[in-house]
C-alpha atoms as a PDB file:
ATOM      1  CA  MET A   1      84.468 170.178 129.526  1.00  0.00           C
ATOM      2  CA  LYS A   2      83.460 167.418 127.798  1.00  0.00           C
ATOM      3  CA  GLN A   3      85.654 169.016 124.875  1.00  0.00           C
ATOM      4  CA  ASN A   4      88.691 168.071 126.364  1.00  0.00           C
ATOM      5  CA  LYS A   5      87.340 165.163 127.378  1.00  0.00           C
ATOM      6  CA  LYS A   6      87.770 163.900 124.043  1.00  0.00           C
ATOM      7  CA  LEU A   7      90.948 165.295 123.328  1.00  0.00           C
ATOM      8  CA  VAL A   8      92.493 163.252 125.941  1.00  0.00           C
ATOM      9  CA  ASP A   9      90.572 159.814 124.699  1.00  0.00           C
ATOM     10  CA  TYR A  10      92.164 160.686 121.591  1.00  0.00           C
ATOM     11  CA  SER A  11      95.759 161.063 122.364  1.00  0.00           C
ATOM     12  CA  ARG A  12      95.778 157.673 124.170  1.00  0.00           C
ATOM     13  CA  TRP A  13      95.640 156.351 120.172  1.00  0.00           C
ATOM     14  CA  GLY A  14      99.436 157.488 119.842  1.00  0.00           C
ATOM     15  CA  TYR A  15     100.561 155.052 122.721  1.00  0.00           C
ATOM     16  CA  TYR A  16      98.767 152.533 121.261  1.00  0.00           C
ATOM     17  CA  PHE A  17     100.575 153.179 117.575  1.00  0.00           C
ATOM     18  CA  ILE A  18     103.771 153.418 119.270  1.00  0.00           C
ATOM     19  CA  LEU A  19     103.141 150.304 121.672  1.00  0.00           C
ATOM     20  CA  PRO A  20     104.195 147.567 119.203  1.00  0.00           C
ATOM     21  CA  PHE A  21     107.925 148.991 118.887  1.00  0.00           C
ATOM     22  CA  PHE A  22     108.357 149.125 122.243  1.00  0.00           C
ATOM     23  CA  ILE A  23     107.014 145.421 122.452  1.00  0.00           C
ATOM     24  CA  THR A  24     108.758 144.407 119.246  1.00  0.00           C
ATOM     25  CA  TYR A  25     112.533 146.086 121.061  1.00  0.00           C
ATOM     26  CA  PHE A  26     111.713 144.389 124.607  1.00  0.00           C
ATOM     27  CA  ILE A  27     111.475 141.298 123.074  1.00  0.00           C
ATOM     28  CA  PHE A  28     113.664 140.854 120.068  1.00  0.00           C
ATOM     29  CA  SER A  29     116.709 144.158 121.492  1.00  0.00           C
ATOM     30  CA  LEU A  30     116.197 144.646 125.347  1.00  0.00           C
ATOM     31  CA  ILE A  31     116.017 140.791 127.055  1.00  0.00           C
ATOM     32  CA  PRO A  32     118.884 139.489 124.284  1.00  0.00           C
ATOM     33  CA  LEU A  33     121.387 142.585 125.179  1.00  0.00           C
ATOM     34  CA  LEU A  34     120.770 141.954 129.116  1.00  0.00           C
ATOM     35  CA  ASP A  35     121.150 137.938 128.269  1.00  0.00           C
ATOM     36  CA  THR A  36     124.380 139.140 126.679  1.00  0.00           C
ATOM     37  CA  ILE A  37     125.452 141.026 129.758  1.00  0.00           C
ATOM     38  CA  ARG A  38     124.819 138.594 132.199  1.00  0.00           C
ATOM     39  CA  PHE A  39     126.587 135.651 130.234  1.00  0.00           C
ATOM     40  CA  SER A  40     129.364 137.955 129.507  1.00  0.00           C
ATOM     41  CA  PHE A  41     129.854 137.115 134.204  1.00  0.00           C
ATOM     42  CA  PHE A  42     129.872 133.673 133.354  1.00  0.00           C
ATOM     43  CA  GLU A  43     132.083 130.544 131.956  1.00  0.00           C
ATOM     44  CA  TYR A  44     129.518 129.014 129.476  1.00  0.00           C
ATOM     45  CA  PHE A  45     130.586 127.279 126.586  1.00  0.00           C
ATOM     46  CA  ARG A  46     130.645 123.905 124.342  1.00  0.00           C
ATOM     47  CA  SER A  47     133.359 120.987 124.094  1.00  0.00           C
ATOM     48  CA  GLY A  48     132.660 118.439 121.513  1.00  0.00           C
ATOM     49  CA  ILE A  49     128.656 117.720 122.658  1.00  0.00           C
ATOM     50  CA  ARG A  50     129.462 118.624 126.274  1.00  0.00           C
ATOM     51  CA  GLN A  51     128.391 121.808 127.939  1.00  0.00           C
ATOM     52  CA  ILE A  52     130.624 123.893 129.918  1.00  0.00           C
ATOM     53  CA  GLY A  53     128.373 126.066 132.859  1.00  0.00           C
ATOM     54  CA  PRO A  54     127.246 127.976 133.103  1.00  0.00           C
ATOM     55  CA  ASN A  55     129.482 128.832 136.097  1.00  0.00           C
ATOM     56  CA  PHE A  56     129.869 132.132 137.697  1.00  0.00           C
ATOM     57  CA  VAL A  57     133.548 133.514 136.796  1.00  0.00           C
ATOM     58  CA  GLY A  58     132.873 137.074 137.245  1.00  0.00           C
ATOM     59  CA  LEU A  59     135.337 139.376 135.587  1.00  0.00           C
ATOM     60  CA  LYS A  60     137.793 136.459 134.138  1.00  0.00           C
ATOM     61  CA  ASN A  61     136.184 137.138 130.577  1.00  0.00           C
ATOM     62  CA  TYR A  62     137.077 140.244 130.548  1.00  0.00           C
ATOM     63  CA  GLN A  63     140.306 140.231 131.553  1.00  0.00           C
ATOM     64  CA  ALA A  64     141.275 136.806 129.133  1.00  0.00           C
ATOM     65  CA  LEU A  65     139.596 139.220 126.034  1.00  0.00           C
ATOM     66  CA  LEU A  66     142.411 141.810 127.689  1.00  0.00           C
ATOM     67  CA  GLU A  67     145.318 139.186 127.706  1.00  0.00           C
ATOM     68  CA  SER A  68     144.214 137.856 123.831  1.00  0.00           C
ATOM     69  CA  ASP A  69     144.553 139.516 120.217  1.00  0.00           C
ATOM     70  CA  MET A  70     141.787 141.616 120.545  1.00  0.00           C
ATOM     71  CA  LEU A  71     143.501 144.952 120.778  1.00  0.00           C
ATOM     72  CA  ARG A  72     145.146 144.263 117.690  1.00  0.00           C
ATOM     73  CA  TYR A  73     142.031 143.376 115.730  1.00  0.00           C
ATOM     74  CA  ALA A  74     140.552 146.614 117.570  1.00  0.00           C
ATOM     75  CA  THR A  75     143.443 148.329 115.599  1.00  0.00           C
ATOM     76  CA  ASN A  76     142.526 146.061 112.311  1.00  0.00           C
ATOM     77  CA  THR A  77     139.103 147.341 112.726  1.00  0.00           C
ATOM     78  CA  MET A  78     140.222 151.015 112.746  1.00  0.00           C
ATOM     79  CA  ILE A  79     142.315 151.153 110.026  1.00  0.00           C
ATOM     80  CA  LEU A  80     140.139 149.427 107.955  1.00  0.00           C
ATOM     81  CA  TRP A  81     137.508 151.982 108.532  1.00  0.00           C
ATOM     82  CA  LEU A  82     139.720 155.474 108.140  1.00  0.00           C
ATOM     83  CA  LEU A  83     140.649 154.152 105.307  1.00  0.00           C
ATOM     84  CA  GLY A  84     137.341 153.657 103.887  1.00  0.00           C
ATOM     85  CA  PHE A  85     135.915 156.798 105.577  1.00  0.00           C
ATOM     86  CA  ILE A  86     137.987 159.592 105.224  1.00  0.00           C
ATOM     87  CA  PRO A  87     138.243 159.539 100.966  1.00  0.00           C
ATOM     88  CA  GLN A  88     133.969 158.435 101.381  1.00  0.00           C
ATOM     89  CA  ILE A  89     133.651 161.479 103.444  1.00  0.00           C
ATOM     90  CA  VAL A  90     135.971 163.724 101.409  1.00  0.00           C
ATOM     91  CA  VAL A  91     134.443 162.528  98.101  1.00  0.00           C
ATOM     92  CA  ALA A  92     130.856 163.049  99.223  1.00  0.00           C
ATOM     93  CA  MET A  93     131.156 166.606 100.693  1.00  0.00           C
ATOM     94  CA  LEU A  94     133.027 167.555  96.865  1.00  0.00           C
ATOM     95  CA  LEU A  95     130.162 165.801  95.650  1.00  0.00           C
ATOM     96  CA  ALA A  96     127.344 167.355  97.400  1.00  0.00           C
ATOM     97  CA  VAL A  97     128.690 170.753  97.344  1.00  0.00           C
ATOM     98  CA  TRP A  98     129.430 170.636  93.238  1.00  0.00           C
ATOM     99  CA  PHE A  99     126.021 169.228  92.829  1.00  0.00           C
ATOM    100  CA  THR A 100     123.841 171.741  95.130  1.00  0.00           C
ATOM    101  CA  ASP A 101     125.866 174.602  93.290  1.00  0.00           C
ATOM    102  CA  LYS A 102     123.001 176.116  91.402  1.00  0.00           C
ATOM    103  CA  ARG A 103     125.776 178.474  89.042  1.00  0.00           C
ATOM    104  CA  LEU A 104     126.485 174.899  87.483  1.00  0.00           C
ATOM    105  CA  LYS A 105     123.124 174.222  86.208  1.00  0.00           C
ATOM    106  CA  ILE A 106     123.900 170.476  86.258  1.00  0.00           C
ATOM    107  CA  LYS A 107     121.801 169.077  84.011  1.00  0.00           C
ATOM    108  CA  GLY A 108     120.282 165.234  84.814  1.00  0.00           C
ATOM    109  CA  LEU A 109     120.611 165.574  88.157  1.00  0.00           C
ATOM    110  CA  GLN A 110     118.087 163.312  89.650  1.00  0.00           C
ATOM    111  CA  PHE A 111     119.742 160.551  87.478  1.00  0.00           C
ATOM    112  CA  PHE A 112     123.114 161.026  88.896  1.00  0.00           C
ATOM    113  CA  LYS A 113     121.832 160.679  92.407  1.00  0.00           C
ATOM    114  CA  VAL A 114     120.452 156.960  91.293  1.00  0.00           C
ATOM    115  CA  VAL A 115     123.537 156.685  90.071  1.00  0.00           C
ATOM    116  CA  MET A 116     125.492 157.403  93.055  1.00  0.00           C
ATOM    117  CA  TYR A 117     123.051 155.270  95.506  1.00  0.00           C
ATOM    118  CA  LEU A 118     123.156 151.929  93.443  1.00  0.00           C
ATOM    119  CA  PRO A 119     126.177 150.225  95.028  1.00  0.00           C
ATOM    120  CA  ASN A 120     124.487 150.705  98.236  1.00  0.00           C
ATOM    121  CA  LEU A 121     121.689 148.808  97.079  1.00  0.00           C
ATOM    122  CA  ILE A 122     124.168 146.035  96.426  1.00  0.00           C
ATOM    123  CA  MET A 123     124.338 143.264  99.400  1.00  0.00           C
ATOM    124  CA  ALA A 124     128.054 143.410 100.880  1.00  0.00           C
ATOM    125  CA  SER A 125     128.064 140.051 100.693  1.00  0.00           C
ATOM    126  CA  ALA A 126     127.685 139.768  96.683  1.00  0.00           C
ATOM    127  CA  PHE A 127     129.911 142.788  96.366  1.00  0.00           C
ATOM    128  CA  ALA A 128     132.753 140.960  98.423  1.00  0.00           C
ATOM    129  CA  MET A 129     132.520 137.784  96.140  1.00  0.00           C
ATOM    130  CA  MET A 130     132.390 140.259  92.829  1.00  0.00           C
ATOM    131  CA  PHE A 131     135.312 141.445  94.088  1.00  0.00           C
ATOM    132  CA  PHE A 132     137.310 138.305  94.812  1.00  0.00           C
ATOM    133  CA  ALA A 133     136.564 137.024  91.576  1.00  0.00           C
ATOM    134  CA  LEU A 134     137.684 139.856  89.867  1.00  0.00           C
ATOM    135  CA  PHE A 135     140.892 140.073  91.644  1.00  0.00           C
ATOM    136  CA  SER A 136     141.888 136.946  92.768  1.00  0.00           C
ATOM    137  CA  THR A 137     145.396 135.277  90.434  1.00  0.00           C
ATOM    138  CA  ASN A 138     143.327 134.055  88.322  1.00  0.00           C
ATOM    139  CA  GLY A 139     140.704 136.325  87.598  1.00  0.00           C
ATOM    140  CA  PRO A 140     140.076 139.217  84.454  1.00  0.00           C
ATOM    141  CA  VAL A 141     142.177 142.038  86.268  1.00  0.00           C
ATOM    142  CA  ASN A 142     145.498 140.342  86.595  1.00  0.00           C
ATOM    143  CA  SER A 143     144.053 138.673  82.799  1.00  0.00           C
ATOM    144  CA  ILE A 144     143.740 142.237  81.625  1.00  0.00           C
ATOM    145  CA  LEU A 145     146.890 143.257  83.032  1.00  0.00           C
ATOM    146  CA  LEU A 146     149.167 140.560  81.938  1.00  0.00           C
ATOM    147  CA  ASN A 147     147.836 141.095  77.745  1.00  0.00           C
ATOM    148  CA  LEU A 148     148.119 144.677  77.792  1.00  0.00           C
ATOM    149  CA  GLY A 149     151.455 144.002  79.126  1.00  0.00           C
ATOM    150  CA  TRP A 150     151.652 146.246  81.658  1.00  0.00           C
ATOM    151  CA  ILE A 151     152.535 143.369  84.142  1.00  0.00           C
ATOM    152  CA  ASN A 152     155.030 140.300  83.459  1.00  0.00           C
ATOM    153  CA  GLN A 153     153.826 138.027  86.101  1.00  0.00           C
ATOM    154  CA  LYS A 154     150.300 138.167  88.325  1.00  0.00           C
ATOM    155  CA  ILE A 155     149.386 139.744  91.446  1.00  0.00           C
ATOM    156  CA  ASP A 156     148.284 138.687  94.001  1.00  0.00           C
ATOM    157  CA  PHE A 157     145.909 141.638  95.375  1.00  0.00           C
ATOM    158  CA  LEU A 158     145.240 139.841  98.528  1.00  0.00           C
ATOM    159  CA  GLY A 159     148.658 138.570  99.254  1.00  0.00           C
ATOM    160  CA  THR A 160     149.540 141.295 101.214  1.00  0.00           C
ATOM    161  CA  PRO A 161     148.162 143.385 104.191  1.00  0.00           C
ATOM    162  CA  PHE A 162     148.208 146.961 102.319  1.00  0.00           C
ATOM    163  CA  GLY A 163     146.260 145.479  99.381  1.00  0.00           C
ATOM    164  CA  THR A 164     143.841 143.365 101.271  1.00  0.00           C
ATOM    165  CA  ARG A 165     143.037 146.446 103.377  1.00  0.00           C
ATOM    166  CA  ALA A 166     142.867 148.864 100.361  1.00  0.00           C
ATOM    167  CA  MET A 167     140.234 146.536  99.051  1.00  0.00           C
ATOM    168  CA  ILE A 168     138.251 146.313 101.407  1.00  0.00           C
ATOM    169  CA  ALA A 169     138.452 150.024 101.911  1.00  0.00           C
ATOM    170  CA  PHE A 170     137.530 150.591  98.783  1.00  0.00           C
ATOM    171  CA  MET A 171     134.432 148.216  98.944  1.00  0.00           C
ATOM    172  CA  ASN A 172     133.112 150.220 101.709  1.00  0.00           C
ATOM    173  CA  PHE A 173     133.886 153.246 100.289  1.00  0.00           C
ATOM    174  CA  LEU A 174     131.885 152.500  96.854  1.00  0.00           C
ATOM    175  CA  MET A 175     128.799 151.321  98.631  1.00  0.00           C
ATOM    176  CA  TRP A 176     128.433 154.470 100.837  1.00  0.00           C
ATOM    177  CA  PHE A 177     130.122 157.466  99.093  1.00  0.00           C
ATOM    178  CA  GLY A 178     126.303 158.017  97.802  1.00  0.00           C
ATOM    179  CA  ASN A 179     124.191 157.586 100.624  1.00  0.00           C
ATOM    180  CA  THR A 180     126.922 160.154 102.541  1.00  0.00           C
ATOM    181  CA  ALA A 181     126.660 162.682  99.470  1.00  0.00           C
ATOM    182  CA  ILE A 182     122.541 162.239  98.895  1.00  0.00           C
ATOM    183  CA  LEU A 183     122.729 162.951 102.670  1.00  0.00           C
ATOM    184  CA  LEU A 184     125.251 166.071 102.965  1.00  0.00           C
ATOM    185  CA  MET A 185     123.029 167.131  99.675  1.00  0.00           C
ATOM    186  CA  ALA A 186     120.129 167.297 101.806  1.00  0.00           C
ATOM    187  CA  ALA A 187     121.569 169.197 104.359  1.00  0.00           C
ATOM    188  CA  ILE A 188     123.147 172.055 102.367  1.00  0.00           C
ATOM    189  CA  LEU A 189     119.888 172.469 100.550  1.00  0.00           C
ATOM    190  CA  GLY A 190     118.537 172.898 104.018  1.00  0.00           C
ATOM    191  CA  ILE A 191     120.203 175.950 104.229  1.00  0.00           C
ATOM    192  CA  ASN A 192     118.409 179.556 103.600  1.00  0.00           C
ATOM    193  CA  GLU A 193     119.721 180.939  99.936  1.00  0.00           C
ATOM    194  CA  GLU A 194     119.551 184.503 101.720  1.00  0.00           C
ATOM    195  CA  ILE A 195     122.744 183.178 103.620  1.00  0.00           C
ATOM    196  CA  PHE A 196     124.740 183.130 100.615  1.00  0.00           C
ATOM    197  CA  GLU A 197     123.351 185.387  98.769  1.00  0.00           C
ATOM    198  CA  SER A 198     124.531 188.463 101.563  1.00  0.00           C
ATOM    199  CA  ALA A 199     127.545 186.460 101.490  1.00  0.00           C
ATOM    200  CA  GLU A 200     128.303 187.300  97.826  1.00  0.00           C
ATOM    201  CA  MET A 201     126.857 190.739  98.379  1.00  0.00           C
ATOM    202  CA  ASP A 202     130.170 190.693 101.216  1.00  0.00           C
ATOM    203  CA  GLY A 203     132.724 189.869  98.910  1.00  0.00           C
ATOM    204  CA  CYS A 204     133.363 186.325 100.199  1.00  0.00           C
ATOM    205  CA  THR A 205     134.813 184.048  98.189  1.00  0.00           C
ATOM    206  CA  PRO A 206     133.370 180.090  97.627  1.00  0.00           C
ATOM    207  CA  LEU A 207     136.051 178.986  99.960  1.00  0.00           C
ATOM    208  CA  GLN A 208     135.114 181.415 102.153  1.00  0.00           C
ATOM    209  CA  LYS A 209     131.226 180.005 101.889  1.00  0.00           C
ATOM    210  CA  PHE A 210     132.297 177.105 102.246  1.00  0.00           C
ATOM    211  CA  PHE A 211     134.332 177.334 105.548  1.00  0.00           C
ATOM    212  CA  HIS A 212     131.918 179.436 107.646  1.00  0.00           C
ATOM    213  CA  ILE A 213     128.530 179.465 105.945  1.00  0.00           C
ATOM    214  CA  THR A 214     128.020 175.331 104.880  1.00  0.00           C
ATOM    215  CA  LEU A 215     130.299 173.621 107.041  1.00  0.00           C
ATOM    216  CA  PRO A 216     129.120 175.258 110.558  1.00  0.00           C
ATOM    217  CA  LEU A 217     125.556 174.645 109.791  1.00  0.00           C
ATOM    218  CA  ILE A 218     125.295 170.921 108.403  1.00  0.00           C
ATOM    219  CA  ARG A 219     126.942 169.709 111.720  1.00  0.00           C
ATOM    220  CA  PRO A 220     124.288 168.040 112.729  1.00  0.00           C
ATOM    221  CA  ILE A 221     124.410 166.030 109.300  1.00  0.00           C
ATOM    222  CA  LEU A 222     127.748 165.534 109.840  1.00  0.00           C
ATOM    223  CA  ALA A 223     127.569 164.037 113.406  1.00  0.00           C
ATOM    224  CA  TYR A 224     124.764 161.744 112.236  1.00  0.00           C
ATOM    225  CA  THR A 225     126.925 160.912 109.398  1.00  0.00           C
ATOM    226  CA  LEU A 226     130.324 160.299 111.369  1.00  0.00           C
ATOM    227  CA  ILE A 227     128.467 158.278 114.760  1.00  0.00           C
ATOM    228  CA  THR A 228     126.595 155.729 112.414  1.00  0.00           C
ATOM    229  CA  SER A 229     129.917 155.298 110.427  1.00  0.00           C
ATOM    230  CA  ILE A 230     132.022 155.071 113.507  1.00  0.00           C
ATOM    231  CA  ILE A 231     129.184 152.607 114.577  1.00  0.00           C
ATOM    232  CA  GLY A 232     128.821 150.556 111.475  1.00  0.00           C
ATOM    233  CA  GLY A 233     132.861 150.400 111.338  1.00  0.00           C
ATOM    234  CA  LEU A 234     132.700 148.640 114.468  1.00  0.00           C
ATOM    235  CA  GLN A 235     130.643 146.095 113.737  1.00  0.00           C
ATOM    236  CA  MET A 236     132.215 145.319 109.760  1.00  0.00           C
ATOM    237  CA  PHE A 237     132.204 141.988 109.094  1.00  0.00           C
ATOM    238  CA  ASP A 238     130.736 140.659 106.143  1.00  0.00           C
ATOM    239  CA  VAL A 239     133.370 141.948 103.643  1.00  0.00           C
ATOM    240  CA  PRO A 240     136.392 140.685 105.260  1.00  0.00           C
ATOM    241  CA  GLN A 241     135.198 137.955 106.038  1.00  0.00           C
ATOM    242  CA  ILE A 242     133.835 137.169 102.618  1.00  0.00           C
ATOM    243  CA  LEU A 243     137.018 138.034 101.087  1.00  0.00           C
ATOM    244  CA  THR A 244     139.426 136.383 103.524  1.00  0.00           C
ATOM    245  CA  ASN A 245     137.116 133.678 104.000  1.00  0.00           C
ATOM    246  CA  GLY A 246     137.099 134.267 107.423  1.00  0.00           C
ATOM    247  CA  GLN A 247     140.995 134.141 108.066  1.00  0.00           C
ATOM    248  CA  GLY A 248     141.298 137.505 108.328  1.00  0.00           C
ATOM    249  CA  SER A 249     144.439 136.808 105.712  1.00  0.00           C
ATOM    250  CA  PRO A 250     147.190 137.622 105.184  1.00  0.00           C
ATOM    251  CA  ASN A 251     148.592 137.039 108.833  1.00  0.00           C
ATOM    252  CA  ARG A 252     145.285 138.289 110.876  1.00  0.00           C
ATOM    253  CA  THR A 253     145.742 142.069 109.481  1.00  0.00           C
ATOM    254  CA  SER A 254     142.493 142.438 108.162  1.00  0.00           C
ATOM    255  CA  MET A 255     140.698 140.159 110.997  1.00  0.00           C
ATOM    256  CA  THR A 256     137.982 142.737 112.625  1.00  0.00           C
ATOM    257  CA  LEU A 257     136.388 142.565 115.958  1.00  0.00           C
ATOM    258  CA  ILE A 258     133.013 140.973 114.822  1.00  0.00           C
ATOM    259  CA  MET A 259     134.958 138.473 113.195  1.00  0.00           C
ATOM    260  CA  PHE A 260     137.017 137.175 115.971  1.00  0.00           C
ATOM    261  CA  LEU A 261     133.809 137.636 118.109  1.00  0.00           C
ATOM    262  CA  ASN A 262     131.945 135.249 115.114  1.00  0.00           C
ATOM    263  CA  SER A 263     134.957 133.048 115.933  1.00  0.00           C
ATOM    264  CA  HIS A 264     134.023 132.708 119.857  1.00  0.00           C
ATOM    265  CA  LEU A 265     129.868 132.137 119.079  1.00  0.00           C
ATOM    266  CA  LYS A 266     131.005 129.734 116.029  1.00  0.00           C
ATOM    267  CA  SER A 267     132.862 127.638 119.376  1.00  0.00           C
ATOM    268  CA  LYS A 268     129.657 127.865 121.156  1.00  0.00           C
ATOM    269  CA  ASN A 269     131.961 130.331 123.529  1.00  0.00           C
ATOM    270  CA  TYR A 270     128.722 132.473 124.609  1.00  0.00           C
ATOM    271  CA  GLY A 271     130.764 133.977 127.947  1.00  0.00           C
ATOM    272  CA  MET A 272     133.706 135.354 125.879  1.00  0.00           C
ATOM    273  CA  ALA A 273     131.228 136.250 123.183  1.00  0.00           C
ATOM    274  CA  GLY A 274     129.078 138.403 125.654  1.00  0.00           C
ATOM    275  CA  ALA A 275     132.140 139.784 126.802  1.00  0.00           C
ATOM    276  CA  LEU A 276     133.463 141.216 123.985  1.00  0.00           C
ATOM    277  CA  SER A 277     130.149 142.368 122.744  1.00  0.00           C
ATOM    278  CA  VAL A 278     129.533 144.861 125.715  1.00  0.00           C
ATOM    279  CA  TYR A 279     133.744 145.781 125.377  1.00  0.00           C
ATOM    280  CA  LEU A 280     131.925 147.124 121.607  1.00  0.00           C
ATOM    281  CA  PHE A 281     129.374 148.378 123.147  1.00  0.00           C
ATOM    282  CA  ILE A 282     130.739 150.694 125.811  1.00  0.00           C
ATOM    283  CA  VAL A 283     133.971 151.463 122.981  1.00  0.00           C
ATOM    284  CA  SER A 284     131.022 152.525 120.765  1.00  0.00           C
ATOM    285  CA  GLY A 285     128.948 154.659 123.100  1.00  0.00           C
ATOM    286  CA  ILE A 286     132.437 156.599 124.515  1.00  0.00           C
ATOM    287  CA  LEU A 287     133.506 157.032 120.756  1.00  0.00           C
ATOM    288  CA  CYS A 288     130.177 158.505 119.640  1.00  0.00           C
ATOM    289  CA  TYR A 289     129.559 160.456 122.851  1.00  0.00           C
ATOM    290  CA  PHE A 290     132.952 162.516 121.975  1.00  0.00           C
ATOM    291  CA  VAL A 291     132.190 162.788 118.308  1.00  0.00           C
ATOM    292  CA  TYR A 292     128.942 164.482 119.615  1.00  0.00           C
ATOM    293  CA  LYS A 293     130.220 166.351 122.370  1.00  0.00           C
ATOM    294  CA  MET A 294     133.481 167.612 120.198  1.00  0.00           C
ATOM    295  CA  LEU A 295     130.985 168.699 117.412  1.00  0.00           C
ATOM    296  CA  GLU A 296     128.214 170.194 119.569  1.00  0.00           C
ATOM    297  CA  GLU A 297     130.462 172.582 121.137  1.00  0.00           C
ATOM    298  CA  LYS A 298     131.329 174.042 117.349  1.00  0.00           C
ATOM    299  CA  ASP A 299     127.564 174.326 117.095  1.00  0.00           C
ATOM    300  CA  PRO A 300     127.141 178.056 116.241  1.00  0.00           C
ATOM    301  CA  THR A 301     123.192 177.292 117.752  1.00  0.00           C
ATOM    302  CA  GLY A 302     124.158 175.535 120.725  1.00  0.00           C
ATOM    303  CA  MET A 303     127.034 178.160 121.329  1.00  0.00           C
ATOM    304  CA  MET A 304     123.818 181.354 120.657  1.00  0.00           C
ATOM    305  CA  ARG A 305     121.632 179.235 123.505  1.00  0.00           C
ATOM    306  CA  GLU A 306     124.697 178.338 125.815  1.00  0.00           C
ATOM    307  CA  LYS A 307     125.378 182.372 125.405  1.00  0.00           C
ATOM    308  CA  ALA A 308     121.419 183.340 125.600  1.00  0.00           C
ATOM    309  CA  LYS A 309     121.573 180.989 129.253  1.00  0.00           C
ATOM    310  CA  GLN A 310     124.382 182.636 130.638  1.00  0.00           C
ATOM    311  CA  SER A 311     122.917 186.296 130.062  1.00  0.00           C
ATOM    312  CA  ARG A 312     119.196 185.236 132.049  1.00  0.00           C
ATOM    313  CA  LYS A 313     121.569 183.824 135.068  1.00  0.00           C
ATOM    314  CA  LYS A 314     122.852 187.389 134.847  1.00  0.00           C
ATOM    315  CA  GLY A 315     119.721 188.831 134.706  1.00  0.00           C
ATOM    316  CA  VAL A 316     118.224 187.162 137.589  1.00  0.00           C
ATOM    317  CA  LEU A 317     121.186 187.751 139.839  1.00  0.00           C
ATOM    318  CA  THR A 318     121.004 191.059 139.055  1.00  0.00           C
ATOM    319  CA  ASN A 319     117.735 191.327 139.993  1.00  0.00           C
ATOM    320  CA  ALA A 320     117.858 189.634 142.983  1.00  0.00           C
ATOM    321  CA  LYS A 321     120.279 191.734 143.849  1.00  0.00           C
END
């Protein structure tokens, strides 16, 4: 009995160790989140040095956002995210499969991992400033192209919607493909080699092994990658903000939702900013839930567990009869 009592006493230390996290989360995350939701129902902004509100207005802030250009900026955000994410996941998957193929016996694997991950260590703001300097009309890229005779006049890379979006997407791709590739490499290396050996003995081709073994078994990591990328994409701010000087130019085709939110925070319109934050939270939750359920249904282990549950239910019903 005394030994059991000691075990119970020691087990309390686990709660003591995680208590600082919950206190920090409660003070710096949960309370601001609840305050944001509360302010979204109020008219609360500053006009010069005069403060208006807080006055309760119900759902008027939400209605005003729907009548504004919010949906246009949401479309911009999703386009910028997709332009960066699709090549990112494709290139990361190809590199992960290539580097984990033991038949190739690639040397210097750790070196390549470091090189791929290096862009992720550079601050997005510094990355955006570097690209702005490189691709401006008076930048070195235009000078090199002119000296080589490939162009007759300077190109305004940031003067068209396609050029600006492509550059933002390319920067996001460079910053994140290495991180994604390393995650996928870890997932592939975690697969039991005997599965691949059995498939080879059965005469499976490399493509068949990839689509029928590798992809199904790394679905949890793919789900994690997709969900975190969606959240990061919806919160895209620093690269387009610096590259377009906060204007979302040209013609606000690169204006993202967080840039729109930042404009309300600059004008001290806390009510509208709170409502937009709630919209972002809801959209993020819906998209992440959809991705999770979509990948969960195709998860082979999940399907096996579901079948096992159904068989157990049938057994219980049979015994009851």
